Amino acid sequence: MKKSGYYILAFDSTHHAIKAEEQLKKNKVEAEMIPTPREVDASCGLSVKIPERCLERARVLIDMPAGRVKLYSVGTNRGRTVYVEQEM
C-alpha cells in the first residue's frame, strides 16, 4: 500500500467529531471535516482528516475514551483508496 500522507479520525457521534475538530483547530493543528468514507467503520457520518505531520499532536489533543474515536491511515493499492485502522 502506498501511503497518502494523511489520516482519518472517525467518531461514534457527530458531537464528538465537531468537538475534536474544534479542539484541533484551537490548538493550530491542521484539520478538515469530511464525510466519513463508506469503507470506514464508524457510527457517525463525519470524520476529521489530518496530515501525517500532525498525527502525534492530534493523538495528544483528542482525549476521548476508547471506542469513541478510531484512527485510519489512508493509502492506495492498485489505484483504489485503502483505509487501515491504526491504534489511537
Protein backbone atom coordinates (compact mmCIF):
# COMPACT_ATOMS: atom_id res chain seq x y z
CA MET A 1 0.00 0.00 0.00
CA LYS A 2 1.28 3.44 -0.94
CA LYS A 3 0.68 5.99 1.84
CA SER A 4 -1.24 9.16 1.04
CA GLY A 5 0.26 11.35 3.77
CA TYR A 6 -2.92 11.81 5.77
CA TYR A 7 -5.11 10.09 8.35
CA ILE A 8 -8.83 9.94 9.09
CA LEU A 9 -10.31 10.22 12.58
CA ALA A 10 -13.74 8.54 12.66
CA PHE A 11 -16.14 9.08 15.54
CA ASP A 12 -19.17 7.44 17.17
CA SER A 13 -21.21 10.68 17.07
CA THR A 14 -21.40 13.98 15.24
CA HIS A 15 -20.95 15.77 18.56
CA HIS A 16 -17.56 14.09 19.11
CA ALA A 17 -16.43 14.82 15.54
CA ILE A 18 -17.24 18.53 15.89
CA LYS A 19 -15.67 18.73 19.35
CA ALA A 20 -12.46 17.09 18.08
CA GLU A 21 -12.19 19.38 15.05
CA GLU A 22 -12.68 22.44 17.26
CA GLN A 23 -10.02 21.22 19.71
CA LEU A 24 -7.52 20.57 16.92
CA LYS A 25 -8.08 23.92 15.20
CA LYS A 26 -7.98 25.79 18.51
CA ASN A 27 -4.50 24.32 19.00
CA LYS A 28 -3.37 25.20 15.47
CA VAL A 29 -3.47 21.62 14.16
CA GLU A 30 -4.45 21.36 10.50
CA ALA A 31 -7.79 19.53 10.39
CA GLU A 32 -10.60 19.25 7.85
CA MET A 33 -14.12 17.93 8.46
CA ILE A 34 -15.08 15.43 5.74
CA PRO A 35 -17.86 12.90 5.13
CA THR A 36 -16.91 9.53 6.61
CA PRO A 37 -15.82 7.19 3.80
CA ARG A 38 -18.08 4.15 3.38
CA GLU A 39 -15.16 1.80 3.93
CA VAL A 40 -14.54 3.23 7.41
CA ASP A 41 -16.29 1.64 10.39
CA ALA A 42 -18.00 4.50 12.25
CA SER A 43 -21.44 5.38 13.56
CA CYS A 44 -21.10 9.00 12.51
CA GLY A 45 -21.23 10.47 9.02
CA LEU A 46 -18.47 12.99 9.78
CA SER A 47 -14.74 12.38 10.12
CA VAL A 48 -11.70 14.61 10.52
CA LYS A 49 -8.84 14.46 8.04
CA ILE A 50 -5.36 15.33 9.36
CA PRO A 51 -1.96 15.36 7.66
CA GLU A 52 0.60 12.79 8.76
CA ARG A 53 2.82 15.52 10.21
CA CYS A 54 0.04 16.42 12.70
CA LEU A 55 -0.70 12.87 13.87
CA GLU A 56 1.20 12.85 17.17
CA ARG A 57 -0.18 16.25 18.21
CA ALA A 58 -3.72 15.10 17.36
CA ARG A 59 -3.26 11.96 19.47
CA VAL A 60 -2.38 14.13 22.46
CA LEU A 61 -5.25 16.58 21.94
CA ILE A 62 -8.05 14.09 21.20
CA ASP A 63 -8.86 12.92 24.70
CA MET A 64 -11.77 10.51 24.24
CA PRO A 65 -12.44 7.07 25.71
CA ALA A 66 -11.63 4.05 23.56
CA GLY A 67 -14.38 3.30 21.08
CA ARG A 68 -15.44 6.93 20.61
CA VAL A 69 -12.76 7.60 18.00
CA LYS A 70 -10.93 5.38 15.52
CA LEU A 71 -7.81 6.26 13.57
CA TYR A 72 -7.27 5.16 9.96
CA SER A 73 -4.23 5.57 7.75
CA VAL A 74 -5.12 6.27 4.14
CA GLY A 75 -3.30 4.93 1.13
CA THR A 76 -3.74 3.45 -2.31
CA ASN A 77 -3.39 -0.07 -3.63
CA ARG A 78 -3.77 -0.72 -7.36
CA GLY A 79 -5.49 2.62 -7.82
CA ARG A 80 -8.03 2.11 -5.03
CA THR A 81 -8.17 4.04 -1.78
CA VAL A 82 -7.46 1.84 1.23
CA TYR A 83 -8.24 2.65 4.89
CA VAL A 84 -6.33 0.73 7.58
CA GLU A 85 -7.32 1.06 11.22
CA GLN A 86 -4.45 2.11 13.47
CA GLU A 87 -4.00 2.33 17.22
CA MET A 88 -5.18 5.68 18.51
